[in-house]
Amino acid sequence: MSQLTINDIPFKWIKKELKLPKTIKKGSKSVYVKYIQEWLDYHDFKTPIDQKFGIATKTQVKKFQRHYELIPNGVVDLETYHLLTQPMLEALSPIEGQFHSFSQASLAYAKQQMHYSPKEIGGENRGPWVRLYMRGEEGSNKPWCAGFVTFILKKTAHYTPFKSPIRGSRSCDTLAAQAKEKKLFISEQKYKKGEIDLPSGTLFLTRNTSTDWTHVGFVRQFKNQTFETIEGNETNNNGSQNDVVCSRERAYRKRDFIVLR
């Protein structure tokens, strides 16, 4: 994986978040205090996410600094902020090597994201990972499974010679419509008839009705009775309420597919 600098990040909405404009310390009140508190939570140095840099935040910053062998002064400078946000910077980096298809490349980039355990932080559909996948937006009314998929499609198209087969959307229904327009939509019935052999990296859609889909993700591996996925906006297995990027085992019932050539 090639190392990426902040200035090289191609996604402007998250680039601004990762670039600390000034030193942040006790008494500060800004959106960057919120970002710091979120990243402390990600690293398991939890503190209230209230955008106020008080004694609790300072204490957790000092613990984080000690853990990474920095001077434990409780002040967030460029070095401390870089270490806090480094997982996302690494997750944004291009993958070295050649790919033979868009589906192969997009699956590799989905695996890359999962490696860094992206999760909601600070509430339902909130936090830096959600904002990454949703072009800076977050909130209880912002489910992000399709946003995660679309981000992977756009990142794959940016870093490889391949063009994304569909434009992408934060709506599962729109993804289905785009796939049908491009003749890339494969219904559950058609797949079960064995009319087409789908590659890993295909998208699956959870079908509610013939015109309504409620969830989307990548197929990691097709099997006889089930398929393995990589998907976002799915509840964590450890019992917490955070939704995460993770792998799941899914049945074929009520699943349609979008083939990415």
C-alpha atoms as a PDB file:
ATOM      1  CA  MET A   1       0.000   0.000   0.000  1.00  0.00           C
ATOM      2  CA  SER A   2       1.383   3.408  -1.008  1.00  0.00           C
ATOM      3  CA  GLN A   3       1.640   5.996   1.742  1.00  0.00           C
ATOM      4  CA  LEU A   4      -0.740   8.916   1.268  1.00  0.00           C
ATOM      5  CA  THR A   5      -0.193  12.436   2.580  1.00  0.00           C
ATOM      6  CA  ILE A   6      -3.060  14.684   3.597  1.00  0.00           C
ATOM      7  CA  ASN A   7      -2.446  16.945   0.614  1.00  0.00           C
ATOM      8  CA  ASP A   8      -2.846  13.953  -1.710  1.00  0.00           C
ATOM      9  CA  ILE A   9      -6.306  12.958  -0.438  1.00  0.00           C
ATOM     10  CA  PRO A  10      -8.700  13.128  -3.424  1.00  0.00           C
ATOM     11  CA  PHE A  11     -11.866  13.400  -1.307  1.00  0.00           C
ATOM     12  CA  LYS A  12     -12.197  17.062  -0.327  1.00  0.00           C
ATOM     13  CA  TRP A  13     -14.947  16.625   2.254  1.00  0.00           C
ATOM     14  CA  ILE A  14     -12.752  14.471   4.518  1.00  0.00           C
ATOM     15  CA  LYS A  15      -9.432  16.121   3.646  1.00  0.00           C
ATOM     16  CA  LYS A  16     -10.498  19.206   5.609  1.00  0.00           C
ATOM     17  CA  GLU A  17     -11.214  17.124   8.713  1.00  0.00           C
ATOM     18  CA  LEU A  18      -7.833  15.424   8.666  1.00  0.00           C
ATOM     19  CA  LYS A  19      -5.877  18.689   8.434  1.00  0.00           C
ATOM     20  CA  LEU A  20      -5.626  20.333  11.868  1.00  0.00           C
ATOM     21  CA  PRO A  21      -5.638  24.141  11.402  1.00  0.00           C
ATOM     22  CA  LYS A  22      -4.188  24.991  14.834  1.00  0.00           C
ATOM     23  CA  THR A  23      -3.233  23.533  18.200  1.00  0.00           C
ATOM     24  CA  ILE A  24      -6.260  22.498  20.271  1.00  0.00           C
ATOM     25  CA  LYS A  25      -6.152  22.491  24.069  1.00  0.00           C
ATOM     26  CA  LYS A  26      -8.238  22.768  27.227  1.00  0.00           C
ATOM     27  CA  GLY A  27     -10.834  25.534  26.880  1.00  0.00           C
ATOM     28  CA  SER A  28     -11.163  25.172  23.114  1.00  0.00           C
ATOM     29  CA  LYS A  29     -14.642  24.945  21.594  1.00  0.00           C
ATOM     30  CA  SER A  30     -14.734  24.071  17.904  1.00  0.00           C
ATOM     31  CA  VAL A  31     -15.709  21.353  15.506  1.00  0.00           C
ATOM     32  CA  TYR A  32     -12.132  20.073  15.735  1.00  0.00           C
ATOM     33  CA  VAL A  33     -12.698  19.344  19.421  1.00  0.00           C
ATOM     34  CA  LYS A  34     -15.546  17.086  18.294  1.00  0.00           C
ATOM     35  CA  TYR A  35     -13.242  15.382  15.788  1.00  0.00           C
ATOM     36  CA  ILE A  36     -10.618  14.828  18.514  1.00  0.00           C
ATOM     37  CA  GLN A  37     -13.215  13.370  20.880  1.00  0.00           C
ATOM     38  CA  GLU A  38     -14.480  11.027  18.149  1.00  0.00           C
ATOM     39  CA  TRP A  39     -11.000   9.762  17.363  1.00  0.00           C
ATOM     40  CA  LEU A  40     -10.251   9.284  21.065  1.00  0.00           C
ATOM     41  CA  ASP A  41     -13.381   7.098  21.168  1.00  0.00           C
ATOM     42  CA  TYR A  42     -12.173   5.143  18.128  1.00  0.00           C
ATOM     43  CA  HIS A  43      -8.905   4.386  19.957  1.00  0.00           C
ATOM     44  CA  ASP A  44     -10.854   3.398  23.124  1.00  0.00           C
ATOM     45  CA  PHE A  45      -9.904   6.517  25.080  1.00  0.00           C
ATOM     46  CA  LYS A  46     -13.537   7.484  25.486  1.00  0.00           C
ATOM     47  CA  THR A  47     -14.837  10.892  26.534  1.00  0.00           C
ATOM     48  CA  PRO A  48     -18.148  12.728  25.970  1.00  0.00           C
ATOM     49  CA  ILE A  49     -18.442  14.055  22.409  1.00  0.00           C
ATOM     50  CA  ASP A  50     -19.710  17.535  23.267  1.00  0.00           C
ATOM     51  CA  GLN A  51     -17.307  19.784  21.306  1.00  0.00           C
ATOM     52  CA  LYS A  52     -15.923  21.183  24.572  1.00  0.00           C
ATOM     53  CA  PHE A  53     -12.293  20.547  25.478  1.00  0.00           C
ATOM     54  CA  GLY A  54     -12.579  20.109  29.243  1.00  0.00           C
ATOM     55  CA  ILE A  55     -10.641  18.200  31.853  1.00  0.00           C
ATOM     56  CA  ALA A  56     -12.066  14.826  30.754  1.00  0.00           C
ATOM     57  CA  THR A  57     -10.909  15.326  27.176  1.00  0.00           C
ATOM     58  CA  LYS A  58      -7.503  16.560  28.339  1.00  0.00           C
ATOM     59  CA  THR A  59      -7.113  13.498  30.572  1.00  0.00           C
ATOM     60  CA  GLN A  60      -7.896  11.129  27.709  1.00  0.00           C
ATOM     61  CA  VAL A  61      -5.563  12.991  25.341  1.00  0.00           C
ATOM     62  CA  LYS A  62      -2.759  12.549  27.897  1.00  0.00           C
ATOM     63  CA  LYS A  63      -3.514   8.810  28.138  1.00  0.00           C
ATOM     64  CA  PHE A  64      -3.429   8.549  24.355  1.00  0.00           C
ATOM     65  CA  GLN A  65      -0.133  10.439  24.206  1.00  0.00           C
ATOM     66  CA  ARG A  66       1.445   8.175  26.836  1.00  0.00           C
ATOM     67  CA  HIS A  67       0.281   5.124  24.921  1.00  0.00           C
ATOM     68  CA  TYR A  68       2.040   6.384  21.780  1.00  0.00           C
ATOM     69  CA  GLU A  69       5.112   7.617  23.683  1.00  0.00           C
ATOM     70  CA  LEU A  70       4.459  11.313  23.101  1.00  0.00           C
ATOM     71  CA  ILE A  71       4.898  14.077  25.669  1.00  0.00           C
ATOM     72  CA  PRO A  72       1.694  13.726  27.772  1.00  0.00           C
ATOM     73  CA  ASN A  73       0.751  17.415  27.941  1.00  0.00           C
ATOM     74  CA  GLY A  74      -2.925  17.028  26.990  1.00  0.00           C
ATOM     75  CA  VAL A  75      -2.494  19.406  24.051  1.00  0.00           C
ATOM     76  CA  VAL A  76      -3.426  18.239  20.547  1.00  0.00           C
ATOM     77  CA  ASP A  77      -0.794  19.445  18.111  1.00  0.00           C
ATOM     78  CA  LEU A  78      -0.140  18.205  14.567  1.00  0.00           C
ATOM     79  CA  GLU A  79       1.786  15.140  15.759  1.00  0.00           C
ATOM     80  CA  THR A  80      -0.927  13.996  18.166  1.00  0.00           C
ATOM     81  CA  TYR A  81      -3.725  14.664  15.683  1.00  0.00           C
ATOM     82  CA  HIS A  82      -1.874  12.783  12.958  1.00  0.00           C
ATOM     83  CA  LEU A  83      -1.635   9.715  15.193  1.00  0.00           C
ATOM     84  CA  LEU A  84      -5.307  10.003  16.135  1.00  0.00           C
ATOM     85  CA  THR A  85      -6.425  10.108  12.506  1.00  0.00           C
ATOM     86  CA  GLN A  86      -3.739   7.860  10.983  1.00  0.00           C
ATOM     87  CA  PRO A  87      -6.103   4.850  10.547  1.00  0.00           C
ATOM     88  CA  MET A  88      -8.266   6.829   8.143  1.00  0.00           C
ATOM     89  CA  LEU A  89      -5.280   8.199   6.257  1.00  0.00           C
ATOM     90  CA  GLU A  90      -4.048   4.637   5.763  1.00  0.00           C
ATOM     91  CA  ALA A  91      -7.543   3.485   4.749  1.00  0.00           C
ATOM     92  CA  LEU A  92      -7.599   6.213   2.079  1.00  0.00           C
ATOM     93  CA  SER A  93      -4.301   5.135   0.518  1.00  0.00           C
ATOM     94  CA  PRO A  94      -4.088   3.349  -2.848  1.00  0.00           C
ATOM     95  CA  ILE A  95      -3.357  -0.381  -2.942  1.00  0.00           C
ATOM     96  CA  GLU A  96      -0.229  -1.415  -4.797  1.00  0.00           C
ATOM     97  CA  GLY A  97      -0.449  -4.058  -7.501  1.00  0.00           C
ATOM     98  CA  GLN A  98      -2.524  -4.746 -10.584  1.00  0.00           C
ATOM     99  CA  PHE A  99      -6.136  -5.838 -10.833  1.00  0.00           C
ATOM    100  CA  HIS A 100      -7.784  -7.675 -13.706  1.00  0.00           C
ATOM    101  CA  SER A 101     -11.284  -6.262 -13.293  1.00  0.00           C
ATOM    102  CA  PHE A 102     -13.259  -3.544 -11.559  1.00  0.00           C
ATOM    103  CA  SER A 103     -14.984  -6.101  -9.314  1.00  0.00           C
ATOM    104  CA  GLN A 104     -11.656  -7.551  -8.167  1.00  0.00           C
ATOM    105  CA  ALA A 105     -10.274  -4.096  -7.399  1.00  0.00           C
ATOM    106  CA  SER A 106     -13.394  -2.839  -5.614  1.00  0.00           C
ATOM    107  CA  LEU A 107     -13.458  -5.922  -3.389  1.00  0.00           C
ATOM    108  CA  ALA A 108      -9.822  -5.298  -2.467  1.00  0.00           C
ATOM    109  CA  TYR A 109     -10.673  -1.715  -1.483  1.00  0.00           C
ATOM    110  CA  ALA A 110     -13.665  -2.932   0.537  1.00  0.00           C
ATOM    111  CA  LYS A 111     -11.364  -5.345   2.399  1.00  0.00           C
ATOM    112  CA  GLN A 112      -8.943  -2.488   3.004  1.00  0.00           C
ATOM    113  CA  GLN A 113     -11.675  -0.455   4.688  1.00  0.00           C
ATOM    114  CA  MET A 114     -12.796  -3.365   6.865  1.00  0.00           C
ATOM    115  CA  HIS A 115      -9.216  -3.853   8.080  1.00  0.00           C
ATOM    116  CA  TYR A 116      -9.428  -0.541   9.967  1.00  0.00           C
ATOM    117  CA  SER A 117     -12.732  -1.427  11.720  1.00  0.00           C
ATOM    118  CA  PRO A 118     -14.773   1.629  10.672  1.00  0.00           C
ATOM    119  CA  LYS A 119     -17.710   2.247  13.001  1.00  0.00           C
ATOM    120  CA  GLU A 120     -20.303   4.789  14.034  1.00  0.00           C
ATOM    121  CA  ILE A 121     -19.065   7.141  16.760  1.00  0.00           C
ATOM    122  CA  GLY A 122     -21.167   9.569  18.750  1.00  0.00           C
ATOM    123  CA  GLY A 123     -24.586   8.229  17.824  1.00  0.00           C
ATOM    124  CA  GLU A 124     -26.611   6.618  15.069  1.00  0.00           C
ATOM    125  CA  ASN A 125     -25.097   7.201  11.619  1.00  0.00           C
ATOM    126  CA  ARG A 126     -22.478   9.571  13.035  1.00  0.00           C
ATOM    127  CA  GLY A 127     -18.739   9.903  13.223  1.00  0.00           C
ATOM    128  CA  PRO A 128     -15.752  10.399  10.894  1.00  0.00           C
ATOM    129  CA  TRP A 129     -16.192   7.101   9.047  1.00  0.00           C
ATOM    130  CA  VAL A 130     -19.842   7.838   8.301  1.00  0.00           C
ATOM    131  CA  ARG A 131     -18.914  11.312   7.048  1.00  0.00           C
ATOM    132  CA  LEU A 132     -16.240   9.741   4.828  1.00  0.00           C
ATOM    133  CA  TYR A 133     -18.782   7.450   3.187  1.00  0.00           C
ATOM    134  CA  MET A 134     -21.567  10.068   3.067  1.00  0.00           C
ATOM    135  CA  ARG A 135     -19.591  12.991   1.588  1.00  0.00           C
ATOM    136  CA  GLY A 136     -19.485  14.884   4.877  1.00  0.00           C
ATOM    137  CA  GLU A 137     -23.051  14.205   6.012  1.00  0.00           C
ATOM    138  CA  GLU A 138     -24.227  12.326   9.097  1.00  0.00           C
ATOM    139  CA  GLY A 139     -27.344  11.951  11.247  1.00  0.00           C
ATOM    140  CA  SER A 140     -30.041   9.526  12.341  1.00  0.00           C
ATOM    141  CA  ASN A 141     -31.766   9.875   8.944  1.00  0.00           C
ATOM    142  CA  LYS A 142     -28.560   9.081   7.004  1.00  0.00           C
ATOM    143  CA  PRO A 143     -28.235   5.279   6.672  1.00  0.00           C
ATOM    144  CA  TRP A 144     -24.878   4.682   5.068  1.00  0.00           C
ATOM    145  CA  CYS A 145     -24.701   1.169   3.548  1.00  0.00           C
ATOM    146  CA  ALA A 146     -25.113   2.539   0.009  1.00  0.00           C
ATOM    147  CA  GLY A 147     -22.773   5.416   0.844  1.00  0.00           C
ATOM    148  CA  PHE A 148     -20.100   2.907   1.824  1.00  0.00           C
ATOM    149  CA  VAL A 149     -20.531   0.994  -1.441  1.00  0.00           C
ATOM    150  CA  THR A 150     -20.508   4.181  -3.518  1.00  0.00           C
ATOM    151  CA  PHE A 151     -17.348   5.425  -1.789  1.00  0.00           C
ATOM    152  CA  ILE A 152     -15.603   2.154  -2.667  1.00  0.00           C
ATOM    153  CA  LEU A 153     -16.749   2.439  -6.293  1.00  0.00           C
ATOM    154  CA  LYS A 154     -15.408   5.976  -6.567  1.00  0.00           C
ATOM    155  CA  LYS A 155     -12.130   5.156  -4.829  1.00  0.00           C
ATOM    156  CA  THR A 156     -11.610   2.156  -7.110  1.00  0.00           C
ATOM    157  CA  ALA A 157     -12.273   4.275 -10.200  1.00  0.00           C
ATOM    158  CA  HIS A 158      -9.865   6.950  -8.921  1.00  0.00           C
ATOM    159  CA  TYR A 159      -6.935   4.621  -8.243  1.00  0.00           C
ATOM    160  CA  THR A 160      -7.300   2.093 -11.081  1.00  0.00           C
ATOM    161  CA  PRO A 161      -7.667   2.320 -14.878  1.00  0.00           C
ATOM    162  CA  PHE A 162     -11.226   0.988 -14.622  1.00  0.00           C
ATOM    163  CA  LYS A 163     -14.376   3.049 -14.885  1.00  0.00           C
ATOM    164  CA  SER A 164     -17.175   2.378 -12.404  1.00  0.00           C
ATOM    165  CA  PRO A 165     -20.009   0.444 -14.134  1.00  0.00           C
ATOM    166  CA  ILE A 166     -22.624   2.502 -12.234  1.00  0.00           C
ATOM    167  CA  ARG A 167     -22.561   6.068 -10.921  1.00  0.00           C
ATOM    168  CA  GLY A 168     -23.351   5.150  -7.320  1.00  0.00           C
ATOM    169  CA  SER A 169     -25.857   6.613  -4.898  1.00  0.00           C
ATOM    170  CA  ARG A 170     -26.735   6.777  -1.204  1.00  0.00           C
ATOM    171  CA  SER A 171     -30.029   5.060  -2.112  1.00  0.00           C
ATOM    172  CA  CYS A 172     -30.291   1.284  -2.597  1.00  0.00           C
ATOM    173  CA  ASP A 173     -33.266   1.804  -4.919  1.00  0.00           C
ATOM    174  CA  THR A 174     -31.239   4.160  -7.104  1.00  0.00           C
ATOM    175  CA  LEU A 175     -28.359   1.676  -7.265  1.00  0.00           C
ATOM    176  CA  ALA A 176     -30.832  -0.960  -8.481  1.00  0.00           C
ATOM    177  CA  ALA A 177     -32.219   1.444 -11.100  1.00  0.00           C
ATOM    178  CA  GLN A 178     -28.729   2.311 -12.346  1.00  0.00           C
ATOM    179  CA  ALA A 179     -27.871  -1.374 -12.635  1.00  0.00           C
ATOM    180  CA  LYS A 180     -31.065  -2.138 -14.569  1.00  0.00           C
ATOM    181  CA  GLU A 181     -30.316   0.728 -16.963  1.00  0.00           C
ATOM    182  CA  LYS A 182     -26.854  -0.731 -17.641  1.00  0.00           C
ATOM    183  CA  LYS A 183     -28.201  -4.324 -17.782  1.00  0.00           C
ATOM    184  CA  LEU A 184     -26.092  -5.252 -14.768  1.00  0.00           C
ATOM    185  CA  PHE A 185     -29.002  -6.183 -12.490  1.00  0.00           C
ATOM    186  CA  ILE A 186     -29.331  -9.900 -11.744  1.00  0.00           C
ATOM    187  CA  SER A 187     -32.482 -11.013  -9.954  1.00  0.00           C
ATOM    188  CA  GLU A 188     -32.491 -13.749  -7.323  1.00  0.00           C
ATOM    189  CA  GLN A 189     -34.561 -15.915  -9.671  1.00  0.00           C
ATOM    190  CA  LYS A 190     -32.163 -15.489 -12.575  1.00  0.00           C
ATOM    191  CA  TYR A 191     -29.156 -16.256 -10.387  1.00  0.00           C
ATOM    192  CA  LYS A 192     -30.766 -19.419  -8.987  1.00  0.00           C
ATOM    193  CA  LYS A 193     -31.481 -20.655 -12.513  1.00  0.00           C
ATOM    194  CA  GLY A 194     -27.742 -20.669 -13.090  1.00  0.00           C
ATOM    195  CA  GLU A 195     -28.004 -18.357 -16.080  1.00  0.00           C
ATOM    196  CA  ILE A 196     -24.942 -16.355 -15.082  1.00  0.00           C
ATOM    197  CA  ASP A 197     -21.730 -16.876 -13.129  1.00  0.00           C
ATOM    198  CA  LEU A 198     -21.106 -13.906 -10.870  1.00  0.00           C
ATOM    199  CA  PRO A 199     -17.600 -12.937  -9.711  1.00  0.00           C
ATOM    200  CA  SER A 200     -16.532 -12.007  -6.208  1.00  0.00           C
ATOM    201  CA  GLY A 201     -16.900  -8.259  -5.857  1.00  0.00           C
ATOM    202  CA  THR A 202     -20.491  -8.345  -7.117  1.00  0.00           C
ATOM    203  CA  LEU A 203     -22.943  -6.220  -5.116  1.00  0.00           C
ATOM    204  CA  PHE A 204     -25.877  -7.809  -3.318  1.00  0.00           C
ATOM    205  CA  LEU A 205     -29.158  -6.008  -2.642  1.00  0.00           C
ATOM    206  CA  THR A 206     -31.602  -7.023   0.090  1.00  0.00           C
ATOM    207  CA  ARG A 207     -35.060  -6.925  -1.475  1.00  0.00           C
ATOM    208  CA  ASN A 208     -38.153  -5.798   0.408  1.00  0.00           C
ATOM    209  CA  THR A 209     -40.453  -5.669  -2.627  1.00  0.00           C
ATOM    210  CA  SER A 210     -39.915  -5.746  -6.390  1.00  0.00           C
ATOM    211  CA  THR A 211     -39.320  -1.985  -6.306  1.00  0.00           C
ATOM    212  CA  ASP A 212     -37.772  -1.524  -2.855  1.00  0.00           C
ATOM    213  CA  TRP A 213     -34.313  -2.571  -1.640  1.00  0.00           C
ATOM    214  CA  THR A 214     -33.156  -1.887   1.925  1.00  0.00           C
ATOM    215  CA  HIS A 215     -29.495  -2.896   2.148  1.00  0.00           C
ATOM    216  CA  VAL A 216     -26.444  -3.298  -0.064  1.00  0.00           C
ATOM    217  CA  GLY A 217     -22.904  -4.597   0.199  1.00  0.00           C
ATOM    218  CA  PHE A 218     -20.148  -6.540  -1.562  1.00  0.00           C
ATOM    219  CA  VAL A 219     -20.094 -10.299  -2.094  1.00  0.00           C
ATOM    220  CA  ARG A 220     -16.769 -11.579  -0.836  1.00  0.00           C
ATOM    221  CA  GLN A 221     -17.367 -15.220  -1.813  1.00  0.00           C
ATOM    222  CA  PHE A 222     -20.260 -17.136  -3.380  1.00  0.00           C
ATOM    223  CA  LYS A 223     -21.078 -20.515  -1.803  1.00  0.00           C
ATOM    224  CA  ASN A 224     -23.731 -23.192  -2.379  1.00  0.00           C
ATOM    225  CA  GLN A 225     -26.285 -22.120   0.230  1.00  0.00           C
ATOM    226  CA  THR A 226     -24.921 -18.765   1.372  1.00  0.00           C
ATOM    227  CA  PHE A 227     -22.505 -16.025   0.385  1.00  0.00           C
ATOM    228  CA  GLU A 228     -19.965 -14.089   2.428  1.00  0.00           C
ATOM    229  CA  THR A 229     -20.070 -10.294   2.381  1.00  0.00           C
ATOM    230  CA  ILE A 230     -18.318  -7.062   3.228  1.00  0.00           C
ATOM    231  CA  GLU A 231     -20.899  -4.430   4.130  1.00  0.00           C
ATOM    232  CA  GLY A 232     -21.392  -1.237   6.091  1.00  0.00           C
ATOM    233  CA  ASN A 233     -24.099   0.024   8.449  1.00  0.00           C
ATOM    234  CA  GLU A 234     -24.435  -3.417  10.062  1.00  0.00           C
ATOM    235  CA  THR A 235     -24.672  -3.983  13.837  1.00  0.00           C
ATOM    236  CA  ASN A 236     -21.451  -5.003  15.539  1.00  0.00           C
ATOM    237  CA  ASN A 237     -21.172  -8.619  16.670  1.00  0.00           C
ATOM    238  CA  ASN A 238     -19.691  -7.638  20.041  1.00  0.00           C
ATOM    239  CA  GLY A 239     -23.062  -6.518  21.377  1.00  0.00           C
ATOM    240  CA  SER A 240     -22.521  -2.775  21.122  1.00  0.00           C
ATOM    241  CA  GLN A 241     -25.000  -0.504  19.379  1.00  0.00           C
ATOM    242  CA  ASN A 242     -22.421   0.807  16.936  1.00  0.00           C
ATOM    243  CA  ASP A 243     -22.902  -0.103  13.287  1.00  0.00           C
ATOM    244  CA  VAL A 244     -19.690  -1.067  11.548  1.00  0.00           C
ATOM    245  CA  VAL A 245     -18.045  -2.225   8.322  1.00  0.00           C
ATOM    246  CA  CYS A 246     -17.869  -5.996   8.700  1.00  0.00           C
ATOM    247  CA  SER A 247     -18.213  -9.396   7.053  1.00  0.00           C
ATOM    248  CA  ARG A 248     -21.472 -11.359   7.221  1.00  0.00           C
ATOM    249  CA  GLU A 249     -22.841 -14.675   5.955  1.00  0.00           C
ATOM    250  CA  ARG A 250     -26.058 -14.126   3.959  1.00  0.00           C
ATOM    251  CA  ALA A 251     -28.666 -16.434   2.467  1.00  0.00           C
ATOM    252  CA  TYR A 252     -29.792 -16.013  -1.155  1.00  0.00           C
ATOM    253  CA  ARG A 253     -33.458 -15.563  -0.293  1.00  0.00           C
ATOM    254  CA  LYS A 254     -34.665 -12.035  -1.090  1.00  0.00           C
ATOM    255  CA  ARG A 255     -31.282 -11.014  -2.522  1.00  0.00           C
ATOM    256  CA  ASP A 256     -30.679  -9.533  -5.946  1.00  0.00           C
ATOM    257  CA  PHE A 257     -27.288  -8.668  -7.425  1.00  0.00           C
ATOM    258  CA  ILE A 258     -25.409  -6.002  -9.367  1.00  0.00           C
ATOM    259  CA  VAL A 259     -22.521  -7.381 -11.376  1.00  0.00           C
ATOM    260  CA  LEU A 260     -19.482  -5.085 -11.571  1.00  0.00           C
ATOM    261  CA  ARG A 261     -17.473  -5.928 -14.685  1.00  0.00           C
END
